[in-house]
Amino acid sequence: MAPTIPQCSASDDIDSMYAALDEAGCLVVHDMATPDEVAAVRSELDSHMRAAVVGDDKPEDFYPGHTRRLIALMHRSPAMRELMMHDTIGQLNDRHLLGNCKKWIVNIAAALEIGPGARDQVLHREENLFPYWEPPRPNLILATMWAMSDFTSDNGGTQLVPGSHRWDGNRVAEPDEIVRAEMPAGSVLVWLGGTLHGGGANITADDWRYGVVLTYTLGWLRQEENQFLSIPFAEAMELPADVRMRLGFDQDYGGGLGLYDPRVLAQSD
């Protein structure tokens, strides 16, 4: 039987949702963002995305060309901050990560537009950031891709290898084990940190595929994107406490990690 990506609705039971995710290593959840929320994110990021450099393709590069990439989204898009705190994603993170940490945090937030001519990205695991364990690793990362446009198999829908989160590091995916995510705008693709995946090739003439990657990791691990430098400190301090915590501006992520002196903080401008 050909592998598939399970699909569900945002209104489905969270335990059955996580069971499907845990079994396949990936899951598409429909109706997570409204059309207005998608439009708000796109509007807030528009000038920044238009300014992003679209590089030429070099076969040896990890990141394919013909693609716009943008980070520092938690500073640039208040609407994306709201989606970052979505309760469904929070509950999936709780189930996947809390066994190995006291709190989990944002790992990276990046907007990606894959343009015509982009090649398939090399398959990889999000948890390759932490090579100190051999696959299959402990639960370290949960990843999400918010669809800001429709994803199809032709316009760069994300490649995934269902079940690969349980493989050892030496097994290579066969072509018939790779599936391309297809979902309408407003959906979210969720995958586990150990699942093989990569950006898809865009073989269309003029259809740019737009998604926002938000990944989450254990609070005691180093973030891939340094959120302390991706958002001005004064701005971060004005955010709600739960949002600051999710970005890593907090204490006690396990065994006293993240200590600071509030008296010094009070003196900051």
C-alpha atoms as a PDB file:
ATOM      1  CA  MET A   1       0.000   0.000   0.000  1.00  0.00           C
ATOM      2  CA  ALA A   2       1.338   3.444  -0.952  1.00  0.00           C
ATOM      3  CA  PRO A   3       2.159   5.694   2.021  1.00  0.00           C
ATOM      4  CA  THR A   4      -0.179   8.586   2.751  1.00  0.00           C
ATOM      5  CA  ILE A   5      -0.298  11.649   4.986  1.00  0.00           C
ATOM      6  CA  PRO A   6      -3.242  11.422   7.418  1.00  0.00           C
ATOM      7  CA  GLN A   7      -5.688  14.324   7.300  1.00  0.00           C
ATOM      8  CA  CYS A   8      -8.133  15.680   9.853  1.00  0.00           C
ATOM      9  CA  SER A   9     -10.072  18.790  10.831  1.00  0.00           C
ATOM     10  CA  ALA A  10      -9.087  21.289  13.511  1.00  0.00           C
ATOM     11  CA  SER A  11     -12.286  20.307  15.338  1.00  0.00           C
ATOM     12  CA  ASP A  12     -11.278  16.638  15.670  1.00  0.00           C
ATOM     13  CA  ASP A  13     -10.380  15.052  18.989  1.00  0.00           C
ATOM     14  CA  ILE A  14      -6.822  15.985  19.967  1.00  0.00           C
ATOM     15  CA  ASP A  15      -5.925  12.486  21.224  1.00  0.00           C
ATOM     16  CA  SER A  16      -6.905  10.851  17.927  1.00  0.00           C
ATOM     17  CA  MET A  17      -5.089  13.628  16.115  1.00  0.00           C
ATOM     18  CA  TYR A  18      -1.852  12.970  17.997  1.00  0.00           C
ATOM     19  CA  ALA A  19      -2.248   9.206  17.596  1.00  0.00           C
ATOM     20  CA  ALA A  20      -2.332   9.637  13.811  1.00  0.00           C
ATOM     21  CA  LEU A  21       0.648  12.005  13.940  1.00  0.00           C
ATOM     22  CA  ASP A  22       2.639   9.633  16.145  1.00  0.00           C
ATOM     23  CA  GLU A  23       1.918   6.694  13.862  1.00  0.00           C
ATOM     24  CA  ALA A  24       2.704   8.340  10.500  1.00  0.00           C
ATOM     25  CA  GLY A  25       5.122  11.033  11.689  1.00  0.00           C
ATOM     26  CA  CYS A  26       3.093  13.657   9.806  1.00  0.00           C
ATOM     27  CA  LEU A  27      -0.438  15.020   9.640  1.00  0.00           C
ATOM     28  CA  VAL A  28      -2.435  17.658   7.727  1.00  0.00           C
ATOM     29  CA  VAL A  29      -4.939  19.601   9.849  1.00  0.00           C
ATOM     30  CA  HIS A  30      -7.547  21.545   7.868  1.00  0.00           C
ATOM     31  CA  ASP A  31      -9.273  24.836   8.767  1.00  0.00           C
ATOM     32  CA  MET A  32      -6.653  26.057  11.215  1.00  0.00           C
ATOM     33  CA  ALA A  33      -6.455  29.662   9.975  1.00  0.00           C
ATOM     34  CA  THR A  34      -9.307  31.732   8.570  1.00  0.00           C
ATOM     35  CA  PRO A  35      -9.001  33.527   5.214  1.00  0.00           C
ATOM     36  CA  ASP A  36      -8.739  36.818   7.142  1.00  0.00           C
ATOM     37  CA  GLU A  37      -5.869  35.476   9.269  1.00  0.00           C
ATOM     38  CA  VAL A  38      -4.029  34.243   6.180  1.00  0.00           C
ATOM     39  CA  ALA A  39      -4.546  37.625   4.497  1.00  0.00           C
ATOM     40  CA  ALA A  40      -3.255  39.451   7.597  1.00  0.00           C
ATOM     41  CA  VAL A  41      -0.034  37.411   7.697  1.00  0.00           C
ATOM     42  CA  ARG A  42       0.565  37.917   3.996  1.00  0.00           C
ATOM     43  CA  SER A  43      -0.076  41.657   4.286  1.00  0.00           C
ATOM     44  CA  GLU A  44       2.246  42.110   7.278  1.00  0.00           C
ATOM     45  CA  LEU A  45       5.063  40.203   5.592  1.00  0.00           C
ATOM     46  CA  ASP A  46       4.522  41.487   2.048  1.00  0.00           C
ATOM     47  CA  SER A  47       7.174  44.220   1.912  1.00  0.00           C
ATOM     48  CA  HIS A  48       9.729  41.999   3.639  1.00  0.00           C
ATOM     49  CA  MET A  49       9.082  39.067   1.303  1.00  0.00           C
ATOM     50  CA  ARG A  50       9.324  41.291  -1.778  1.00  0.00           C
ATOM     51  CA  ALA A  51      12.717  42.488  -0.512  1.00  0.00           C
ATOM     52  CA  ALA A  52      14.017  38.936   0.033  1.00  0.00           C
ATOM     53  CA  VAL A  53      16.695  37.780  -2.388  1.00  0.00           C
ATOM     54  CA  VAL A  54      15.704  34.966  -4.747  1.00  0.00           C
ATOM     55  CA  GLY A  55      18.969  33.121  -5.390  1.00  0.00           C
ATOM     56  CA  ASP A  56      19.998  30.961  -8.315  1.00  0.00           C
ATOM     57  CA  ASP A  57      20.046  27.218  -7.862  1.00  0.00           C
ATOM     58  CA  LYS A  58      23.281  25.423  -6.989  1.00  0.00           C
ATOM     59  CA  PRO A  59      22.895  21.625  -6.791  1.00  0.00           C
ATOM     60  CA  GLU A  60      25.306  21.397  -3.851  1.00  0.00           C
ATOM     61  CA  ASP A  61      23.362  23.884  -1.700  1.00  0.00           C
ATOM     62  CA  PHE A  62      21.106  22.624   1.084  1.00  0.00           C
ATOM     63  CA  TYR A  63      18.539  25.335   0.302  1.00  0.00           C
ATOM     64  CA  PRO A  64      17.299  25.249  -3.317  1.00  0.00           C
ATOM     65  CA  GLY A  65      17.210  28.436  -5.367  1.00  0.00           C
ATOM     66  CA  HIS A  66      14.151  30.180  -6.811  1.00  0.00           C
ATOM     67  CA  THR A  67      12.882  30.582  -3.248  1.00  0.00           C
ATOM     68  CA  ARG A  68      12.269  33.546  -0.930  1.00  0.00           C
ATOM     69  CA  ARG A  69      13.108  33.032   2.744  1.00  0.00           C
ATOM     70  CA  LEU A  70      12.406  35.302   5.695  1.00  0.00           C
ATOM     71  CA  ILE A  71      12.897  34.957   9.464  1.00  0.00           C
ATOM     72  CA  ALA A  72      12.233  37.288  12.451  1.00  0.00           C
ATOM     73  CA  LEU A  73       8.516  36.732  11.896  1.00  0.00           C
ATOM     74  CA  MET A  74       7.582  37.186  15.548  1.00  0.00           C
ATOM     75  CA  HIS A  75       8.691  40.817  15.194  1.00  0.00           C
ATOM     76  CA  ARG A  76       7.297  41.360  11.715  1.00  0.00           C
ATOM     77  CA  SER A  77       3.871  39.734  11.951  1.00  0.00           C
ATOM     78  CA  PRO A  78       1.553  40.115  14.971  1.00  0.00           C
ATOM     79  CA  ALA A  79      -0.955  37.918  13.123  1.00  0.00           C
ATOM     80  CA  MET A  80       1.621  35.127  12.916  1.00  0.00           C
ATOM     81  CA  ARG A  81       2.304  35.504  16.636  1.00  0.00           C
ATOM     82  CA  GLU A  82      -1.380  34.767  17.200  1.00  0.00           C
ATOM     83  CA  LEU A  83      -1.207  31.627  15.055  1.00  0.00           C
ATOM     84  CA  MET A  84       1.984  30.598  16.862  1.00  0.00           C
ATOM     85  CA  MET A  85      -0.118  30.328  20.033  1.00  0.00           C
ATOM     86  CA  HIS A  86      -2.900  28.236  18.421  1.00  0.00           C
ATOM     87  CA  ASP A  87      -4.348  25.880  21.036  1.00  0.00           C
ATOM     88  CA  THR A  88      -4.369  22.807  18.774  1.00  0.00           C
ATOM     89  CA  ILE A  89      -0.653  23.159  18.094  1.00  0.00           C
ATOM     90  CA  GLY A  90      -0.071  23.769  21.789  1.00  0.00           C
ATOM     91  CA  GLN A  91      -1.824  20.544  22.741  1.00  0.00           C
ATOM     92  CA  LEU A  92       0.128  18.542  20.143  1.00  0.00           C
ATOM     93  CA  ASN A  93       3.361  20.017  21.497  1.00  0.00           C
ATOM     94  CA  ASP A  94       2.342  19.103  25.046  1.00  0.00           C
ATOM     95  CA  ARG A  95       1.822  15.489  24.039  1.00  0.00           C
ATOM     96  CA  HIS A  96       5.012  15.233  22.014  1.00  0.00           C
ATOM     97  CA  LEU A  97       7.517  17.262  24.018  1.00  0.00           C
ATOM     98  CA  LEU A  98       6.533  17.569  27.678  1.00  0.00           C
ATOM     99  CA  GLY A  99       7.832  14.105  28.495  1.00  0.00           C
ATOM    100  CA  ASN A 100      11.347  15.492  27.968  1.00  0.00           C
ATOM    101  CA  CYS A 101      11.058  19.049  29.283  1.00  0.00           C
ATOM    102  CA  LYS A 102       9.234  21.346  31.657  1.00  0.00           C
ATOM    103  CA  LYS A 103       8.418  23.912  28.948  1.00  0.00           C
ATOM    104  CA  TRP A 104       8.765  23.904  25.171  1.00  0.00           C
ATOM    105  CA  ILE A 105       9.624  26.945  23.035  1.00  0.00           C
ATOM    106  CA  VAL A 106       9.681  28.210  19.471  1.00  0.00           C
ATOM    107  CA  ASN A 107      12.683  26.886  17.586  1.00  0.00           C
ATOM    108  CA  ILE A 108      12.406  28.832  14.323  1.00  0.00           C
ATOM    109  CA  ALA A 109       9.779  30.878  12.479  1.00  0.00           C
ATOM    110  CA  ALA A 110      10.377  31.324   8.745  1.00  0.00           C
ATOM    111  CA  ALA A 111       8.288  32.313   5.732  1.00  0.00           C
ATOM    112  CA  LEU A 112       9.050  30.423   2.507  1.00  0.00           C
ATOM    113  CA  GLU A 113       7.871  31.086  -1.030  1.00  0.00           C
ATOM    114  CA  ILE A 114       8.933  28.351  -3.448  1.00  0.00           C
ATOM    115  CA  GLY A 115       8.953  29.641  -7.002  1.00  0.00           C
ATOM    116  CA  PRO A 116       8.770  27.977 -10.419  1.00  0.00           C
ATOM    117  CA  GLY A 117      11.988  26.150 -11.236  1.00  0.00           C
ATOM    118  CA  ALA A 118      12.864  25.249  -7.637  1.00  0.00           C
ATOM    119  CA  ARG A 119      14.190  21.710  -7.259  1.00  0.00           C
ATOM    120  CA  ASP A 120      13.413  19.152  -4.582  1.00  0.00           C
ATOM    121  CA  GLN A 121      15.284  19.824  -1.364  1.00  0.00           C
ATOM    122  CA  VAL A 122      17.449  17.047   0.061  1.00  0.00           C
ATOM    123  CA  LEU A 123      15.436  14.988   2.548  1.00  0.00           C
ATOM    124  CA  HIS A 124      16.454  15.664   6.130  1.00  0.00           C
ATOM    125  CA  ARG A 125      15.222  15.598   9.722  1.00  0.00           C
ATOM    126  CA  GLU A 126      14.562  18.674  11.862  1.00  0.00           C
ATOM    127  CA  GLU A 127      16.351  16.906  14.709  1.00  0.00           C
ATOM    128  CA  ASN A 128      19.579  16.790  12.691  1.00  0.00           C
ATOM    129  CA  LEU A 129      20.283  20.092  14.474  1.00  0.00           C
ATOM    130  CA  PHE A 130      21.182  17.921  17.451  1.00  0.00           C
ATOM    131  CA  PRO A 131      23.457  15.143  16.112  1.00  0.00           C
ATOM    132  CA  TYR A 132      24.506  13.975  19.568  1.00  0.00           C
ATOM    133  CA  TRP A 133      21.838  11.268  19.509  1.00  0.00           C
ATOM    134  CA  GLU A 134      21.560   8.677  16.744  1.00  0.00           C
ATOM    135  CA  PRO A 135      18.177   8.262  15.001  1.00  0.00           C
ATOM    136  CA  PRO A 136      15.605   7.387  16.112  1.00  0.00           C
ATOM    137  CA  ARG A 137      16.155  10.155  18.660  1.00  0.00           C
ATOM    138  CA  PRO A 138      14.135  11.122  21.725  1.00  0.00           C
ATOM    139  CA  ASN A 139      11.273  13.538  21.042  1.00  0.00           C
ATOM    140  CA  LEU A 140      13.103  16.851  20.520  1.00  0.00           C
ATOM    141  CA  ILE A 141      11.143  18.860  17.925  1.00  0.00           C
ATOM    142  CA  LEU A 142       7.629  19.246  16.563  1.00  0.00           C
ATOM    143  CA  ALA A 143       7.337  21.121  13.266  1.00  0.00           C
ATOM    144  CA  THR A 144       4.475  22.887  11.526  1.00  0.00           C
ATOM    145  CA  MET A 145       3.965  24.424   8.091  1.00  0.00           C
ATOM    146  CA  TRP A 146       1.103  26.911   7.815  1.00  0.00           C
ATOM    147  CA  ALA A 147      -0.258  27.089   4.269  1.00  0.00           C
ATOM    148  CA  MET A 148      -0.513  30.727   3.159  1.00  0.00           C
ATOM    149  CA  SER A 149      -1.467  29.496  -0.321  1.00  0.00           C
ATOM    150  CA  ASP A 150      -2.731  26.196  -1.687  1.00  0.00           C
ATOM    151  CA  PHE A 151      -0.100  23.422  -1.645  1.00  0.00           C
ATOM    152  CA  THR A 152      -0.078  20.983  -4.571  1.00  0.00           C
ATOM    153  CA  SER A 153       2.241  18.232  -5.733  1.00  0.00           C
ATOM    154  CA  ASP A 154       3.307  20.483  -8.634  1.00  0.00           C
ATOM    155  CA  ASN A 155       3.909  23.825  -6.901  1.00  0.00           C
ATOM    156  CA  GLY A 156       6.306  22.706  -4.167  1.00  0.00           C
ATOM    157  CA  GLY A 157       4.145  20.770  -1.722  1.00  0.00           C
ATOM    158  CA  THR A 158       6.430  19.556   1.067  1.00  0.00           C
ATOM    159  CA  GLN A 159       7.997  16.123   0.597  1.00  0.00           C
ATOM    160  CA  LEU A 160       7.486  13.727   3.514  1.00  0.00           C
ATOM    161  CA  VAL A 161       8.351  10.114   4.232  1.00  0.00           C
ATOM    162  CA  PRO A 162       5.612   8.718   6.495  1.00  0.00           C
ATOM    163  CA  GLY A 163       6.982   6.330   9.106  1.00  0.00           C
ATOM    164  CA  SER A 164      10.592   7.492   8.752  1.00  0.00           C
ATOM    165  CA  HIS A 165      10.617   8.889  12.300  1.00  0.00           C
ATOM    166  CA  ARG A 166      11.090   5.309  13.444  1.00  0.00           C
ATOM    167  CA  TRP A 167      13.972   4.496  11.076  1.00  0.00           C
ATOM    168  CA  ASP A 168      17.649   4.345  11.958  1.00  0.00           C
ATOM    169  CA  GLY A 169      19.937   6.943  10.412  1.00  0.00           C
ATOM    170  CA  ASN A 170      21.265   4.685   7.640  1.00  0.00           C
ATOM    171  CA  ARG A 171      18.015   3.893   5.879  1.00  0.00           C
ATOM    172  CA  VAL A 172      17.427   5.858   2.662  1.00  0.00           C
ATOM    173  CA  ALA A 173      13.912   6.589   1.429  1.00  0.00           C
ATOM    174  CA  GLU A 174      12.882   4.970  -1.844  1.00  0.00           C
ATOM    175  CA  PRO A 175      11.030   7.152  -4.392  1.00  0.00           C
ATOM    176  CA  ASP A 176       7.737   5.336  -3.770  1.00  0.00           C
ATOM    177  CA  GLU A 177       7.982   6.092  -0.036  1.00  0.00           C
ATOM    178  CA  ILE A 178       7.961   9.880  -0.571  1.00  0.00           C
ATOM    179  CA  VAL A 179       4.637  11.731  -0.471  1.00  0.00           C
ATOM    180  CA  ARG A 180       4.005  15.391  -1.351  1.00  0.00           C
ATOM    181  CA  ALA A 181       1.729  17.360   0.944  1.00  0.00           C
ATOM    182  CA  GLU A 182      -1.363  18.806  -0.709  1.00  0.00           C
ATOM    183  CA  MET A 183      -3.617  21.126   1.298  1.00  0.00           C
ATOM    184  CA  PRO A 184      -5.604  24.349   0.909  1.00  0.00           C
ATOM    185  CA  ALA A 185      -4.567  27.696   2.355  1.00  0.00           C
ATOM    186  CA  GLY A 186      -5.374  27.869   6.063  1.00  0.00           C
ATOM    187  CA  SER A 187      -4.324  24.266   6.679  1.00  0.00           C
ATOM    188  CA  VAL A 188      -1.317  23.198   8.731  1.00  0.00           C
ATOM    189  CA  LEU A 189       1.079  20.367   7.993  1.00  0.00           C
ATOM    190  CA  VAL A 190       2.497  18.940  11.237  1.00  0.00           C
ATOM    191  CA  TRP A 191       5.455  16.568  11.336  1.00  0.00           C
ATOM    192  CA  LEU A 192       7.704  15.098  13.992  1.00  0.00           C
ATOM    193  CA  GLY A 193      11.338  16.123  14.289  1.00  0.00           C
ATOM    194  CA  GLY A 194      12.512  12.676  13.227  1.00  0.00           C
ATOM    195  CA  THR A 195      10.448  12.520  10.027  1.00  0.00           C
ATOM    196  CA  LEU A 196      12.344  12.809   6.756  1.00  0.00           C
ATOM    197  CA  HIS A 197      11.068  15.759   4.737  1.00  0.00           C
ATOM    198  CA  GLY A 198      12.144  18.550   2.398  1.00  0.00           C
ATOM    199  CA  GLY A 199      10.787  21.355   0.276  1.00  0.00           C
ATOM    200  CA  GLY A 200       9.193  20.158  -2.939  1.00  0.00           C
ATOM    201  CA  ALA A 201      10.100  21.000  -6.517  1.00  0.00           C
ATOM    202  CA  ASN A 202       7.928  23.631  -8.190  1.00  0.00           C
ATOM    203  CA  ILE A 203       7.274  22.542 -11.768  1.00  0.00           C
ATOM    204  CA  THR A 204       4.543  25.105 -12.491  1.00  0.00           C
ATOM    205  CA  ALA A 205       4.918  28.095 -14.794  1.00  0.00           C
ATOM    206  CA  ASP A 206       3.906  30.852 -12.391  1.00  0.00           C
ATOM    207  CA  ASP A 207       2.501  29.460  -9.094  1.00  0.00           C
ATOM    208  CA  TRP A 208       4.531  30.487  -6.031  1.00  0.00           C
ATOM    209  CA  ARG A 209       3.869  28.207  -3.052  1.00  0.00           C
ATOM    210  CA  TYR A 210       3.769  30.189   0.204  1.00  0.00           C
ATOM    211  CA  GLY A 211       4.121  28.637   3.649  1.00  0.00           C
ATOM    212  CA  VAL A 212       5.260  29.618   7.130  1.00  0.00           C
ATOM    213  CA  VAL A 213       7.364  27.147   9.107  1.00  0.00           C
ATOM    214  CA  LEU A 214       7.053  27.225  12.884  1.00  0.00           C
ATOM    215  CA  THR A 215       9.003  24.570  14.754  1.00  0.00           C
ATOM    216  CA  TYR A 216       9.094  23.990  18.497  1.00  0.00           C
ATOM    217  CA  THR A 217      11.696  22.347  20.700  1.00  0.00           C
ATOM    218  CA  LEU A 218      12.473  21.428  24.294  1.00  0.00           C
ATOM    219  CA  GLY A 219      12.991  24.502  26.451  1.00  0.00           C
ATOM    220  CA  TRP A 220      16.490  23.420  27.493  1.00  0.00           C
ATOM    221  CA  LEU A 221      17.800  23.110  23.935  1.00  0.00           C
ATOM    222  CA  ARG A 222      19.377  25.927  21.934  1.00  0.00           C
ATOM    223  CA  GLN A 223      16.932  27.507  19.479  1.00  0.00           C
ATOM    224  CA  GLU A 224      17.763  27.352  15.768  1.00  0.00           C
ATOM    225  CA  GLU A 225      16.659  30.982  15.418  1.00  0.00           C
ATOM    226  CA  ASN A 226      17.923  33.293  18.162  1.00  0.00           C
ATOM    227  CA  GLN A 227      14.647  34.872  19.208  1.00  0.00           C
ATOM    228  CA  PHE A 228      16.479  37.219  21.605  1.00  0.00           C
ATOM    229  CA  LEU A 229      17.974  38.917  18.525  1.00  0.00           C
ATOM    230  CA  SER A 230      15.036  38.436  16.142  1.00  0.00           C
ATOM    231  CA  ILE A 231      12.709  40.685  18.129  1.00  0.00           C
ATOM    232  CA  PRO A 232      13.712  43.937  19.874  1.00  0.00           C
ATOM    233  CA  PHE A 233      13.981  43.403  23.618  1.00  0.00           C
ATOM    234  CA  ALA A 234      11.673  46.271  24.553  1.00  0.00           C
ATOM    235  CA  GLU A 235       9.037  44.908  22.169  1.00  0.00           C
ATOM    236  CA  ALA A 236       9.363  41.421  23.622  1.00  0.00           C
ATOM    237  CA  MET A 237       8.817  42.752  27.137  1.00  0.00           C
ATOM    238  CA  GLU A 238       5.522  44.305  26.029  1.00  0.00           C
ATOM    239  CA  LEU A 239       4.144  40.980  24.786  1.00  0.00           C
ATOM    240  CA  PRO A 240       1.762  38.878  26.912  1.00  0.00           C
ATOM    241  CA  ALA A 241       3.582  36.652  29.399  1.00  0.00           C
ATOM    242  CA  ASP A 242       2.564  33.410  27.656  1.00  0.00           C
ATOM    243  CA  VAL A 243       3.900  34.663  24.315  1.00  0.00           C
ATOM    244  CA  ARG A 244       7.193  35.745  25.903  1.00  0.00           C
ATOM    245  CA  MET A 245       7.507  32.326  27.506  1.00  0.00           C
ATOM    246  CA  ARG A 246       6.905  30.610  24.178  1.00  0.00           C
ATOM    247  CA  LEU A 247       9.693  32.684  22.607  1.00  0.00           C
ATOM    248  CA  GLY A 248      12.089  31.747  25.415  1.00  0.00           C
ATOM    249  CA  PHE A 249      12.036  34.977  27.455  1.00  0.00           C
ATOM    250  CA  ASP A 250      11.467  33.196  30.753  1.00  0.00           C
ATOM    251  CA  GLN A 251      13.106  31.357  33.612  1.00  0.00           C
ATOM    252  CA  ASP A 252      13.079  27.758  34.764  1.00  0.00           C
ATOM    253  CA  TYR A 253      13.002  25.591  31.654  1.00  0.00           C
ATOM    254  CA  GLY A 254      14.297  22.715  33.750  1.00  0.00           C
ATOM    255  CA  GLY A 255      16.685  22.679  36.683  1.00  0.00           C
ATOM    256  CA  GLY A 256      16.912  26.470  36.950  1.00  0.00           C
ATOM    257  CA  LEU A 257      17.796  27.143  33.301  1.00  0.00           C
ATOM    258  CA  GLY A 258      17.302  30.701  32.035  1.00  0.00           C
ATOM    259  CA  LEU A 259      18.075  32.549  35.249  1.00  0.00           C
ATOM    260  CA  TYR A 260      18.011  36.355  35.283  1.00  0.00           C
ATOM    261  CA  ASP A 261      17.764  39.028  37.974  1.00  0.00           C
ATOM    262  CA  PRO A 262      14.443  40.925  37.743  1.00  0.00           C
ATOM    263  CA  ARG A 263      16.091  43.926  39.428  1.00  0.00           C
ATOM    264  CA  VAL A 264      18.418  44.311  36.444  1.00  0.00           C
ATOM    265  CA  LEU A 265      15.540  43.834  34.038  1.00  0.00           C
ATOM    266  CA  ALA A 266      13.632  46.629  35.763  1.00  0.00           C
ATOM    267  CA  GLN A 267      16.498  49.022  34.987  1.00  0.00           C
ATOM    268  CA  SER A 268      16.292  48.304  31.214  1.00  0.00           C
ATOM    269  CA  ASP A 269      14.974  51.090  29.005  1.00  0.00           C
END
